[in-house]
């Protein structure tokens, strides 16, 4: 199963009706659904503002760091046990204004995931 959140409908629904959680430098918008049509699991996306980071190299670096932190926190630390038959969509938005070290990003992601629980 592909874990990337790509559907425009799902992303729009997420920002309209989803819940928000914040822990610097990451803001999370998430929503869960238990429809008959949805496949249980997790889909997530990462986003970095072009307004704050003009160079694509910087945006891509931050997105890579966020994805790696997600992989560590979710897979290695076995977080998000709330997926009992639910479809959970999560968008991670980087809100920092400067490039930060990987461990700061990882700690922010760990904090927001703990808040979601």
PDB file of N, CA and C in Angstrom:
ATOM      1  N   UNK A   1       0.842  -1.188   0.000  1.00  0.00           N
ATOM      2  CA  UNK A   1       0.000   0.000   0.000  1.00  0.00           C
ATOM      3  C   UNK A   1       0.880   1.242   0.000  1.00  0.00           C
ATOM      4  N   UNK A   2       0.465   2.211  -0.748  1.00  0.00           N
ATOM      5  CA  UNK A   2       1.194   3.465  -0.833  1.00  0.00           C
ATOM      6  C   UNK A   2       0.778   4.366   0.325  1.00  0.00           C
ATOM      7  N   UNK A   3       1.733   4.864   1.086  1.00  0.00           N
ATOM      8  CA  UNK A   3       1.435   5.673   2.255  1.00  0.00           C
ATOM      9  C   UNK A   3       1.378   7.169   1.945  1.00  0.00           C
ATOM     10  N   UNK A   4       1.660   7.545   0.695  1.00  0.00           N
ATOM     11  CA  UNK A   4       1.657   8.962   0.353  1.00  0.00           C
ATOM     12  C   UNK A   4       0.240   9.475   0.162  1.00  0.00           C
ATOM     13  N   UNK A   5      -0.024  10.634   0.712  1.00  0.00           N
ATOM     14  CA  UNK A   5      -1.324  11.284   0.583  1.00  0.00           C
ATOM     15  C   UNK A   5      -1.277  12.170  -0.658  1.00  0.00           C
ATOM     16  N   UNK A   6      -1.988  11.753  -1.725  1.00  0.00           N
ATOM     17  CA  UNK A   6      -1.901  12.476  -2.989  1.00  0.00           C
ATOM     18  C   UNK A   6      -3.241  13.002  -3.484  1.00  0.00           C
ATOM     19  N   UNK A   7      -4.323  12.466  -3.017  1.00  0.00           N
ATOM     20  CA  UNK A   7      -5.639  12.827  -3.514  1.00  0.00           C
ATOM     21  C   UNK A   7      -6.016  14.255  -3.112  1.00  0.00           C
ATOM     22  N   UNK A   8      -6.351  15.080  -4.097  1.00  0.00           N
ATOM     23  CA  UNK A   8      -6.750  16.461  -3.811  1.00  0.00           C
ATOM     24  C   UNK A   8      -8.007  16.513  -2.946  1.00  0.00           C
ATOM     25  N   UNK A   9      -8.938  15.590  -3.163  1.00  0.00           N
ATOM     26  CA  UNK A   9     -10.163  15.559  -2.361  1.00  0.00           C
ATOM     27  C   UNK A   9      -9.847  15.292  -0.896  1.00  0.00           C
ATOM     28  N   UNK A  10      -8.960  14.330  -0.648  1.00  0.00           N
ATOM     29  CA  UNK A  10      -8.589  14.007   0.732  1.00  0.00           C
ATOM     30  C   UNK A  10      -7.856  15.174   1.388  1.00  0.00           C
ATOM     31  N   UNK A  11      -6.987  15.825   0.649  1.00  0.00           N
ATOM     32  CA  UNK A  11      -6.224  16.960   1.193  1.00  0.00           C
ATOM     33  C   UNK A  11      -7.158  18.122   1.500  1.00  0.00           C
ATOM     34  N   UNK A  12      -8.097  18.416   0.610  1.00  0.00           N
ATOM     35  CA  UNK A  12      -9.062  19.480   0.862  1.00  0.00           C
ATOM     36  C   UNK A  12      -9.917  19.152   2.089  1.00  0.00           C
ATOM     37  N   UNK A  13     -10.392  17.913   2.186  1.00  0.00           N
ATOM     38  CA  UNK A  13     -11.183  17.482   3.334  1.00  0.00           C
ATOM     39  C   UNK A  13     -10.382  17.646   4.624  1.00  0.00           C
ATOM     40  N   UNK A  14      -9.114  17.285   4.545  1.00  0.00           N
ATOM     41  CA  UNK A  14      -8.233  17.368   5.700  1.00  0.00           C
ATOM     42  C   UNK A  14      -8.135  18.794   6.233  1.00  0.00           C
ATOM     43  N   UNK A  15      -7.912  19.761   5.349  1.00  0.00           N
ATOM     44  CA  UNK A  15      -7.748  21.142   5.784  1.00  0.00           C
ATOM     45  C   UNK A  15      -9.079  21.806   6.152  1.00  0.00           C
ATOM     46  N   UNK A  16     -10.192  21.293   5.639  1.00  0.00           N
ATOM     47  CA  UNK A  16     -11.497  21.854   5.990  1.00  0.00           C
ATOM     48  C   UNK A  16     -12.017  21.293   7.319  1.00  0.00           C
ATOM     49  N   UNK A  17     -11.911  19.979   7.510  1.00  0.00           N
ATOM     50  CA  UNK A  17     -12.568  19.343   8.654  1.00  0.00           C
ATOM     51  C   UNK A  17     -11.612  18.654   9.623  1.00  0.00           C
ATOM     52  N   UNK A  18     -10.319  18.669   9.331  1.00  0.00           N
ATOM     53  CA  UNK A  18      -9.357  17.970  10.173  1.00  0.00           C
ATOM     54  C   UNK A  18      -9.014  18.730  11.440  1.00  0.00           C
ATOM     55  N   UNK A  19      -8.399  18.032  12.359  1.00  0.00           N
ATOM     56  CA  UNK A  19      -7.940  18.633  13.612  1.00  0.00           C
ATOM     57  C   UNK A  19      -6.481  19.033  13.464  1.00  0.00           C
ATOM     58  N   UNK A  20      -6.075  20.082  14.208  1.00  0.00           N
ATOM     59  CA  UNK A  20      -4.703  20.571  14.121  1.00  0.00           C
ATOM     60  C   UNK A  20      -3.982  20.395  15.444  1.00  0.00           C
ATOM     61  N   UNK A  21      -2.711  20.056  15.329  1.00  0.00           N
ATOM     62  CA  UNK A  21      -1.827  19.931  16.479  1.00  0.00           C
ATOM     63  C   UNK A  21      -0.518  20.610  16.092  1.00  0.00           C
ATOM     64  N   UNK A  22       0.120  21.287  17.064  1.00  0.00           N
ATOM     65  CA  UNK A  22       1.341  22.019  16.766  1.00  0.00           C
ATOM     66  C   UNK A  22       2.426  21.718  17.794  1.00  0.00           C
ATOM     67  N   UNK A  23       3.635  21.491  17.306  1.00  0.00           N
ATOM     68  CA  UNK A  23       4.838  21.403  18.142  1.00  0.00           C
ATOM     69  C   UNK A  23       5.985  21.862  17.255  1.00  0.00           C
ATOM     70  N   UNK A  24       6.595  22.965  17.622  1.00  0.00           N
ATOM     71  CA  UNK A  24       7.621  23.585  16.769  1.00  0.00           C
ATOM     72  C   UNK A  24       8.657  22.566  16.373  1.00  0.00           C
ATOM     73  N   UNK A  25       9.015  22.502  15.125  1.00  0.00           N
ATOM     74  CA  UNK A  25       8.704  23.304  13.952  1.00  0.00           C
ATOM     75  C   UNK A  25       7.656  22.678  13.034  1.00  0.00           C
ATOM     76  N   UNK A  26       6.789  21.817  13.574  1.00  0.00           N
ATOM     77  CA  UNK A  26       5.845  21.078  12.741  1.00  0.00           C
ATOM     78  C   UNK A  26       4.410  21.322  13.205  1.00  0.00           C
ATOM     79  N   UNK A  27       3.531  21.540  12.216  1.00  0.00           N
ATOM     80  CA  UNK A  27       2.095  21.585  12.478  1.00  0.00           C
ATOM     81  C   UNK A  27       1.492  20.383  11.759  1.00  0.00           C
ATOM     82  N   UNK A  28       0.548  19.733  12.420  1.00  0.00           N
ATOM     83  CA  UNK A  28      -0.085  18.553  11.836  1.00  0.00           C
ATOM     84  C   UNK A  28      -1.571  18.796  11.709  1.00  0.00           C
ATOM     85  N   UNK A  29      -2.099  18.475  10.538  1.00  0.00           N
ATOM     86  CA  UNK A  29      -3.539  18.479  10.318  1.00  0.00           C
ATOM     87  C   UNK A  29      -3.903  17.030  10.034  1.00  0.00           C
ATOM     88  N   UNK A  30      -4.873  16.492  10.795  1.00  0.00           N
ATOM     89  CA  UNK A  30      -5.206  15.082  10.628  1.00  0.00           C
ATOM     90  C   UNK A  30      -6.701  14.841  10.755  1.00  0.00           C
ATOM     91  N   UNK A  31      -7.137  13.767  10.122  1.00  0.00           N
ATOM     92  CA  UNK A  31      -8.535  13.352  10.191  1.00  0.00           C
ATOM     93  C   UNK A  31      -8.578  11.835  10.035  1.00  0.00           C
ATOM     94  N   UNK A  32      -9.536  11.224  10.708  1.00  0.00           N
ATOM     95  CA  UNK A  32      -9.706   9.780  10.574  1.00  0.00           C
ATOM     96  C   UNK A  32     -11.120   9.501  10.079  1.00  0.00           C
ATOM     97  N   UNK A  33     -11.232   8.440   9.286  1.00  0.00           N
ATOM     98  CA  UNK A  33     -12.527   8.047   8.742  1.00  0.00           C
ATOM     99  C   UNK A  33     -12.670   6.541   8.874  1.00  0.00           C
ATOM    100  N   UNK A  34     -13.892   6.087   9.052  1.00  0.00           N
ATOM    101  CA  UNK A  34     -14.145   4.647   9.106  1.00  0.00           C
ATOM    102  C   UNK A  34     -15.267   4.291   8.132  1.00  0.00           C
ATOM    103  N   UNK A  35     -15.090   4.665   6.884  1.00  0.00           N
ATOM    104  CA  UNK A  35     -16.071   4.349   5.838  1.00  0.00           C
ATOM    105  C   UNK A  35     -15.907   2.911   5.374  1.00  0.00           C
ATOM    106  N   UNK A  36     -16.955   2.401   4.741  1.00  0.00           N
ATOM    107  CA  UNK A  36     -16.850   1.076   4.140  1.00  0.00           C
ATOM    108  C   UNK A  36     -15.905   1.122   2.947  1.00  0.00           C
ATOM    109  N   UNK A  37     -15.853   2.284   2.269  1.00  0.00           N
ATOM    110  CA  UNK A  37     -15.057   2.415   1.046  1.00  0.00           C
ATOM    111  C   UNK A  37     -13.569   2.586   1.316  1.00  0.00           C
ATOM    112  N   UNK A  38     -13.201   3.084   2.496  1.00  0.00           N
ATOM    113  CA  UNK A  38     -11.801   3.372   2.761  1.00  0.00           C
ATOM    114  C   UNK A  38     -11.070   2.138   3.285  1.00  0.00           C
ATOM    115  N   UNK A  39      -9.839   2.001   2.863  1.00  0.00           N
ATOM    116  CA  UNK A  39      -8.992   0.899   3.301  1.00  0.00           C
ATOM    117  C   UNK A  39      -8.298   1.333   4.593  1.00  0.00           C
ATOM    118  N   UNK A  40      -8.337   0.519   5.657  1.00  0.00           N
ATOM    119  CA  UNK A  40      -7.688   0.913   6.905  1.00  0.00           C
ATOM    120  C   UNK A  40      -6.194   1.137   6.703  1.00  0.00           C
ATOM    121  N   UNK A  41      -5.675   2.145   7.338  1.00  0.00           N
ATOM    122  CA  UNK A  41      -4.254   2.416   7.235  1.00  0.00           C
ATOM    123  C   UNK A  41      -3.947   3.886   7.407  1.00  0.00           C
ATOM    124  N   UNK A  42      -2.713   4.229   7.125  1.00  0.00           N
ATOM    125  CA  UNK A  42      -2.213   5.574   7.303  1.00  0.00           C
ATOM    126  C   UNK A  42      -1.727   6.127   5.970  1.00  0.00           C
ATOM    127  N   UNK A  43      -2.148   7.335   5.653  1.00  0.00           N
ATOM    128  CA  UNK A  43      -1.604   8.057   4.512  1.00  0.00           C
ATOM    129  C   UNK A  43      -1.159   9.411   5.024  1.00  0.00           C
ATOM    130  N   UNK A  44       0.040   9.827   4.640  1.00  0.00           N
ATOM    131  CA  UNK A  44       0.551  11.100   5.116  1.00  0.00           C
ATOM    132  C   UNK A  44       1.230  11.866   3.998  1.00  0.00           C
ATOM    133  N   UNK A  45       1.318  13.172   4.194  1.00  0.00           N
ATOM    134  CA  UNK A  45       2.012  14.047   3.269  1.00  0.00           C
ATOM    135  C   UNK A  45       2.848  15.035   4.062  1.00  0.00           C
ATOM    136  N   UNK A  46       3.873  15.566   3.417  1.00  0.00           N
ATOM    137  CA  UNK A  46       4.705  16.587   4.051  1.00  0.00           C
ATOM    138  C   UNK A  46       4.694  17.820   3.162  1.00  0.00           C
ATOM    139  N   UNK A  47       4.769  18.984   3.806  1.00  0.00           N
ATOM    140  CA  UNK A  47       4.694  20.228   3.066  1.00  0.00           C
ATOM    141  C   UNK A  47       5.642  21.255   3.675  1.00  0.00           C
ATOM    142  N   UNK A  48       6.315  22.007   2.797  1.00  0.00           N
ATOM    143  CA  UNK A  48       7.203  23.091   3.213  1.00  0.00           C
ATOM    144  C   UNK A  48       6.859  24.301   2.367  1.00  0.00           C
ATOM    145  N   UNK A  49       6.700  25.446   3.007  1.00  0.00           N
ATOM    146  CA  UNK A  49       6.260  26.654   2.327  1.00  0.00           C
ATOM    147  C   UNK A  49       7.324  27.231   1.399  1.00  0.00           C
ATOM    148  N   UNK A  50       6.899  27.560   0.202  1.00  0.00           N
ATOM    149  CA  UNK A  50       7.785  28.209  -0.757  1.00  0.00           C
ATOM    150  C   UNK A  50       8.053  29.654  -0.336  1.00  0.00           C
ATOM    151  N   UNK A  51       7.143  30.213   0.439  1.00  0.00           N
ATOM    152  CA  UNK A  51       7.308  31.585   0.923  1.00  0.00           C
ATOM    153  C   UNK A  51       8.507  31.703   1.860  1.00  0.00           C
ATOM    154  N   UNK A  52       8.691  30.693   2.710  1.00  0.00           N
ATOM    155  CA  UNK A  52       9.784  30.730   3.684  1.00  0.00           C
ATOM    156  C   UNK A  52      11.104  30.212   3.138  1.00  0.00           C
ATOM    157  N   UNK A  53      11.042  29.299   2.159  1.00  0.00           N
ATOM    158  CA  UNK A  53      12.250  28.708   1.585  1.00  0.00           C
ATOM    159  C   UNK A  53      12.173  28.820   0.069  1.00  0.00           C
ATOM    160  N   UNK A  54      12.840  29.810  -0.478  1.00  0.00           N
ATOM    161  CA  UNK A  54      12.771  30.092  -1.911  1.00  0.00           C
ATOM    162  C   UNK A  54      13.439  28.998  -2.747  1.00  0.00           C
ATOM    163  N   UNK A  55      14.517  28.419  -2.225  1.00  0.00           N
ATOM    164  CA  UNK A  55      15.276  27.429  -2.987  1.00  0.00           C
ATOM    165  C   UNK A  55      14.665  26.039  -2.832  1.00  0.00           C
ATOM    166  N   UNK A  56      14.435  25.381  -3.958  1.00  0.00           N
ATOM    167  CA  UNK A  56      13.870  24.035  -3.937  1.00  0.00           C
ATOM    168  C   UNK A  56      14.780  23.065  -3.193  1.00  0.00           C
ATOM    169  N   UNK A  57      16.087  23.306  -3.244  1.00  0.00           N
ATOM    170  CA  UNK A  57      17.040  22.449  -2.552  1.00  0.00           C
ATOM    171  C   UNK A  57      16.750  22.439  -1.049  1.00  0.00           C
ATOM    172  N   UNK A  58      16.469  23.612  -0.486  1.00  0.00           N
ATOM    173  CA  UNK A  58      16.171  23.708   0.942  1.00  0.00           C
ATOM    174  C   UNK A  58      14.848  23.022   1.276  1.00  0.00           C
ATOM    175  N   UNK A  59      13.816  23.264   0.452  1.00  0.00           N
ATOM    176  CA  UNK A  59      12.514  22.629   0.692  1.00  0.00           C
ATOM    177  C   UNK A  59      12.619  21.114   0.620  1.00  0.00           C
ATOM    178  N   UNK A  60      13.326  20.619  -0.380  1.00  0.00           N
ATOM    179  CA  UNK A  60      13.475  19.169  -0.541  1.00  0.00           C
ATOM    180  C   UNK A  60      14.259  18.553   0.609  1.00  0.00           C
ATOM    181  N   UNK A  61      15.268  19.261   1.106  1.00  0.00           N
ATOM    182  CA  UNK A  61      16.052  18.762   2.240  1.00  0.00           C
ATOM    183  C   UNK A  61      15.167  18.613   3.473  1.00  0.00           C
ATOM    184  N   UNK A  62      14.357  19.632   3.736  1.00  0.00           N
ATOM    185  CA  UNK A  62      13.471  19.581   4.898  1.00  0.00           C
ATOM    186  C   UNK A  62      12.455  18.451   4.745  1.00  0.00           C
ATOM    187  N   UNK A  63      11.904  18.290   3.549  1.00  0.00           N
ATOM    188  CA  UNK A  63      10.935  17.216   3.325  1.00  0.00           C
ATOM    189  C   UNK A  63      11.573  15.845   3.519  1.00  0.00           C
ATOM    190  N   UNK A  64      12.805  15.662   3.049  1.00  0.00           N
ATOM    191  CA  UNK A  64      13.510  14.395   3.260  1.00  0.00           C
ATOM    192  C   UNK A  64      13.717  14.134   4.746  1.00  0.00           C
ATOM    193  N   UNK A  65      14.117  15.185   5.477  1.00  0.00           N
ATOM    194  CA  UNK A  65      14.322  15.030   6.915  1.00  0.00           C
ATOM    195  C   UNK A  65      13.018  14.686   7.623  1.00  0.00           C
ATOM    196  N   UNK A  66      11.926  15.313   7.212  1.00  0.00           N
ATOM    197  CA  UNK A  66      10.630  15.029   7.833  1.00  0.00           C
ATOM    198  C   UNK A  66      10.190  13.591   7.556  1.00  0.00           C
ATOM    199  N   UNK A  67      10.354  13.133   6.322  1.00  0.00           N
ATOM    200  CA  UNK A  67       9.970  11.756   5.986  1.00  0.00           C
ATOM    201  C   UNK A  67      10.798  10.730   6.763  1.00  0.00           C
ATOM    202  N   UNK A  68      12.104  10.999   6.898  1.00  0.00           N
ATOM    203  CA  UNK A  68      12.966  10.090   7.653  1.00  0.00           C
ATOM    204  C   UNK A  68      12.569  10.080   9.129  1.00  0.00           C
ATOM    205  N   UNK A  69      12.268  11.241   9.688  1.00  0.00           N
ATOM    206  CA  UNK A  69      11.834  11.312  11.082  1.00  0.00           C
ATOM    207  C   UNK A  69      10.518  10.553  11.260  1.00  0.00           C
ATOM    208  N   UNK A  70       9.605  10.685  10.304  1.00  0.00           N
ATOM    209  CA  UNK A  70       8.342   9.946  10.360  1.00  0.00           C
ATOM    210  C   UNK A  70       8.597   8.447  10.335  1.00  0.00           C
ATOM    211  N   UNK A  71       9.470   8.025   9.460  1.00  0.00           N
ATOM    212  CA  UNK A  71       9.798   6.605   9.368  1.00  0.00           C
ATOM    213  C   UNK A  71      10.353   6.105  10.699  1.00  0.00           C
ATOM    214  N   UNK A  72      11.260   6.872  11.291  1.00  0.00           N
ATOM    215  CA  UNK A  72      11.836   6.480  12.583  1.00  0.00           C
ATOM    216  C   UNK A  72      10.785   6.418  13.675  1.00  0.00           C
ATOM    217  N   UNK A  73       9.989   7.475  13.789  1.00  0.00           N
ATOM    218  CA  UNK A  73       9.031   7.569  14.882  1.00  0.00           C
ATOM    219  C   UNK A  73       7.900   6.556  14.719  1.00  0.00           C
ATOM    220  N   UNK A  74       7.360   6.429  13.526  1.00  0.00           N
ATOM    221  CA  UNK A  74       6.209   5.545  13.310  1.00  0.00           C
ATOM    222  C   UNK A  74       6.634   4.082  13.230  1.00  0.00           C
ATOM    223  N   UNK A  75       7.634   3.780  12.432  1.00  0.00           N
ATOM    224  CA  UNK A  75       7.998   2.377  12.216  1.00  0.00           C
ATOM    225  C   UNK A  75       8.855   1.840  13.355  1.00  0.00           C
ATOM    226  N   UNK A  76       9.952   2.518  13.660  1.00  0.00           N
ATOM    227  CA  UNK A  76      10.874   1.986  14.663  1.00  0.00           C
ATOM    228  C   UNK A  76      10.302   2.063  16.077  1.00  0.00           C
ATOM    229  N   UNK A  77       9.594   3.134  16.382  1.00  0.00           N
ATOM    230  CA  UNK A  77       9.067   3.289  17.739  1.00  0.00           C
ATOM    231  C   UNK A  77       7.630   2.787  17.867  1.00  0.00           C
ATOM    232  N   UNK A  78       7.078   2.248  16.790  1.00  0.00           N
ATOM    233  CA  UNK A  78       5.737   1.649  16.775  1.00  0.00           C
ATOM    234  C   UNK A  78       4.673   2.598  17.316  1.00  0.00           C
ATOM    235  N   UNK A  79       4.684   3.821  16.830  1.00  0.00           N
ATOM    236  CA  UNK A  79       3.663   4.783  17.239  1.00  0.00           C
ATOM    237  C   UNK A  79       2.428   4.593  16.370  1.00  0.00           C
ATOM    238  N   UNK A  80       1.407   5.380  16.627  1.00  0.00           N
ATOM    239  CA  UNK A  80       0.140   5.366  15.889  1.00  0.00           C
ATOM    240  C   UNK A  80      -0.552   4.006  15.960  1.00  0.00           C
ATOM    241  N   UNK A  81      -0.795   3.535  17.164  1.00  0.00           N
ATOM    242  CA  UNK A  81      -1.541   2.290  17.347  1.00  0.00           C
ATOM    243  C   UNK A  81      -3.041   2.541  17.277  1.00  0.00           C
ATOM    244  N   UNK A  82      -3.421   3.777  16.941  1.00  0.00           N
ATOM    245  CA  UNK A  82      -4.835   4.144  16.892  1.00  0.00           C
ATOM    246  C   UNK A  82      -5.503   3.700  15.597  1.00  0.00           C
ATOM    247  N   UNK A  83      -4.817   2.959  14.766  1.00  0.00           N
ATOM    248  CA  UNK A  83      -5.334   2.597  13.449  1.00  0.00           C
ATOM    249  C   UNK A  83      -6.220   1.358  13.488  1.00  0.00           C
ATOM    250  N   UNK A  84      -7.047   1.215  14.496  1.00  0.00           N
ATOM    251  CA  UNK A  84      -7.925   0.053  14.608  1.00  0.00           C
ATOM    252  C   UNK A  84      -9.049   0.127  13.586  1.00  0.00           C
ATOM    253  N   UNK A  85      -8.768  -0.294  12.364  1.00  0.00           N
ATOM    254  CA  UNK A  85      -9.781  -0.302  11.317  1.00  0.00           C
ATOM    255  C   UNK A  85     -10.116   1.069  10.762  1.00  0.00           C
ATOM    256  N   UNK A  86      -9.299   2.080  11.062  1.00  0.00           N
ATOM    257  CA  UNK A  86      -9.566   3.439  10.586  1.00  0.00           C
ATOM    258  C   UNK A  86      -8.633   3.816   9.440  1.00  0.00           C
ATOM    259  N   UNK A  87      -9.100   4.707   8.609  1.00  0.00           N
ATOM    260  CA  UNK A  87      -8.266   5.336   7.593  1.00  0.00           C
ATOM    261  C   UNK A  87      -7.844   6.679   8.182  1.00  0.00           C
ATOM    262  N   UNK A  88      -6.565   6.880   8.433  1.00  0.00           N
ATOM    263  CA  UNK A  88      -6.062   8.115   9.014  1.00  0.00           C
ATOM    264  C   UNK A  88      -5.238   8.848   7.968  1.00  0.00           C
ATOM    265  N   UNK A  89      -5.622  10.104   7.721  1.00  0.00           N
ATOM    266  CA  UNK A  89      -4.881  10.966   6.796  1.00  0.00           C
ATOM    267  C   UNK A  89      -4.214  12.055   7.618  1.00  0.00           C
ATOM    268  N   UNK A  90      -2.914  12.255   7.391  1.00  0.00           N
ATOM    269  CA  UNK A  90      -2.158  13.239   8.159  1.00  0.00           C
ATOM    270  C   UNK A  90      -1.322  14.078   7.199  1.00  0.00           C
ATOM    271  N   UNK A  91      -1.325  15.398   7.418  1.00  0.00           N
ATOM    272  CA  UNK A  91      -0.451  16.293   6.664  1.00  0.00           C
ATOM    273  C   UNK A  91       0.485  16.979   7.653  1.00  0.00           C
ATOM    274  N   UNK A  92       1.776  16.799   7.456  1.00  0.00           N
ATOM    275  CA  UNK A  92       2.792  17.437   8.279  1.00  0.00           C
ATOM    276  C   UNK A  92       3.260  18.691   7.556  1.00  0.00           C
ATOM    277  N   UNK A  93       3.109  19.842   8.197  1.00  0.00           N
ATOM    278  CA  UNK A  93       3.472  21.124   7.593  1.00  0.00           C
ATOM    279  C   UNK A  93       4.625  21.717   8.396  1.00  0.00           C
ATOM    280  N   UNK A  94       5.733  22.009   7.714  1.00  0.00           N
ATOM    281  CA  UNK A  94       6.888  22.618   8.367  1.00  0.00           C
ATOM    282  C   UNK A  94       6.621  24.107   8.483  1.00  0.00           C
ATOM    283  N   UNK A  95       6.595  24.640   9.706  1.00  0.00           N
ATOM    284  CA  UNK A  95       6.275  26.053   9.912  1.00  0.00           C
ATOM    285  C   UNK A  95       7.477  26.873  10.361  1.00  0.00           C
ATOM    286  N   UNK A  96       8.630  26.240  10.545  1.00  0.00           N
ATOM    287  CA  UNK A  96       9.835  26.972  10.921  1.00  0.00           C
ATOM    288  C   UNK A  96      10.262  27.907   9.793  1.00  0.00           C
ATOM    289  N   UNK A  97      10.988  28.938  10.146  1.00  0.00           N
ATOM    290  CA  UNK A  97      11.422  29.924   9.150  1.00  0.00           C
ATOM    291  C   UNK A  97      12.891  29.740   8.759  1.00  0.00           C
ATOM    292  N   UNK A  98      13.586  28.801   9.407  1.00  0.00           N
ATOM    293  CA  UNK A  98      14.984  28.561   9.086  1.00  0.00           C
ATOM    294  C   UNK A  98      15.251  27.061   9.038  1.00  0.00           C
ATOM    295  N   UNK A  99      16.373  26.699   8.409  1.00  0.00           N
ATOM    296  CA  UNK A  99      16.774  25.301   8.349  1.00  0.00           C
ATOM    297  C   UNK A  99      17.212  24.861   9.746  1.00  0.00           C
ATOM    298  N   UNK A 100      16.682  23.767  10.202  1.00  0.00           N
ATOM    299  CA  UNK A 100      17.013  23.254  11.527  1.00  0.00           C
ATOM    300  C   UNK A 100      17.700  21.907  11.402  1.00  0.00           C
ATOM    301  N   UNK A 101      18.340  21.496  12.482  1.00  0.00           N
ATOM    302  CA  UNK A 101      18.982  20.192  12.503  1.00  0.00           C
ATOM    303  C   UNK A 101      17.936  19.092  12.495  1.00  0.00           C
ATOM    304  N   UNK A 102      18.348  17.936  12.031  1.00  0.00           N
ATOM    305  CA  UNK A 102      17.445  16.790  11.927  1.00  0.00           C
ATOM    306  C   UNK A 102      16.837  16.423  13.276  1.00  0.00           C
ATOM    307  N   UNK A 103      17.645  16.448  14.343  1.00  0.00           N
ATOM    308  CA  UNK A 103      17.131  16.015  15.648  1.00  0.00           C
ATOM    309  C   UNK A 103      16.043  16.945  16.179  1.00  0.00           C
ATOM    310  N   UNK A 104      16.069  18.220  15.806  1.00  0.00           N
ATOM    311  CA  UNK A 104      15.016  19.157  16.216  1.00  0.00           C
ATOM    312  C   UNK A 104      13.715  18.816  15.488  1.00  0.00           C
ATOM    313  N   UNK A 105      13.828  18.516  14.197  1.00  0.00           N
ATOM    314  CA  UNK A 105      12.651  18.142  13.400  1.00  0.00           C
ATOM    315  C   UNK A 105      12.063  16.835  13.930  1.00  0.00           C
ATOM    316  N   UNK A 106      12.924  15.860  14.220  1.00  0.00           N
ATOM    317  CA  UNK A 106      12.464  14.567  14.740  1.00  0.00           C
ATOM    318  C   UNK A 106      11.751  14.729  16.083  1.00  0.00           C
ATOM    319  N   UNK A 107      12.300  15.577  16.936  1.00  0.00           N
ATOM    320  CA  UNK A 107      11.660  15.771  18.232  1.00  0.00           C
ATOM    321  C   UNK A 107      10.305  16.463  18.080  1.00  0.00           C
ATOM    322  N   UNK A 108      10.177  17.396  17.137  1.00  0.00           N
ATOM    323  CA  UNK A 108       8.886  18.038  16.874  1.00  0.00           C
ATOM    324  C   UNK A 108       7.858  17.046  16.370  1.00  0.00           C
ATOM    325  N   UNK A 109       8.267  16.172  15.470  1.00  0.00           N
ATOM    326  CA  UNK A 109       7.360  15.157  14.931  1.00  0.00           C
ATOM    327  C   UNK A 109       6.956  14.173  16.033  1.00  0.00           C
ATOM    328  N   UNK A 110       7.893  13.788  16.868  1.00  0.00           N
ATOM    329  CA  UNK A 110       7.586  12.879  17.984  1.00  0.00           C
ATOM    330  C   UNK A 110       6.553  13.520  18.912  1.00  0.00           C
ATOM    331  N   UNK A 111       6.702  14.818  19.201  1.00  0.00           N
ATOM    332  CA  UNK A 111       5.781  15.518  20.091  1.00  0.00           C
ATOM    333  C   UNK A 111       4.374  15.585  19.504  1.00  0.00           C
ATOM    334  N   UNK A 112       4.266  15.924  18.200  1.00  0.00           N
ATOM    335  CA  UNK A 112       2.919  16.030  17.614  1.00  0.00           C
ATOM    336  C   UNK A 112       2.246  14.673  17.521  1.00  0.00           C
ATOM    337  N   UNK A 113       2.995  13.619  17.255  1.00  0.00           N
ATOM    338  CA  UNK A 113       2.395  12.297  17.195  1.00  0.00           C
ATOM    339  C   UNK A 113       1.916  11.877  18.583  1.00  0.00           C
ATOM    340  N   UNK A 114       2.674  12.214  19.610  1.00  0.00           N
ATOM    341  CA  UNK A 114       2.217  11.921  20.977  1.00  0.00           C
ATOM    342  C   UNK A 114       0.969  12.701  21.317  1.00  0.00           C
ATOM    343  N   UNK A 115       0.838  13.932  20.827  1.00  0.00           N
ATOM    344  CA  UNK A 115      -0.353  14.741  21.077  1.00  0.00           C
ATOM    345  C   UNK A 115      -1.574  14.166  20.358  1.00  0.00           C
ATOM    346  N   UNK A 116      -1.368  13.563  19.201  1.00  0.00           N
ATOM    347  CA  UNK A 116      -2.467  12.965  18.448  1.00  0.00           C
ATOM    348  C   UNK A 116      -3.076  11.803  19.234  1.00  0.00           C
ATOM    349  N   UNK A 117      -2.238  11.027  19.906  1.00  0.00           N
ATOM    350  CA  UNK A 117      -2.734   9.899  20.701  1.00  0.00           C
ATOM    351  C   UNK A 117      -3.683  10.419  21.737  1.00  0.00           C
TER     352      UNK A 117
END
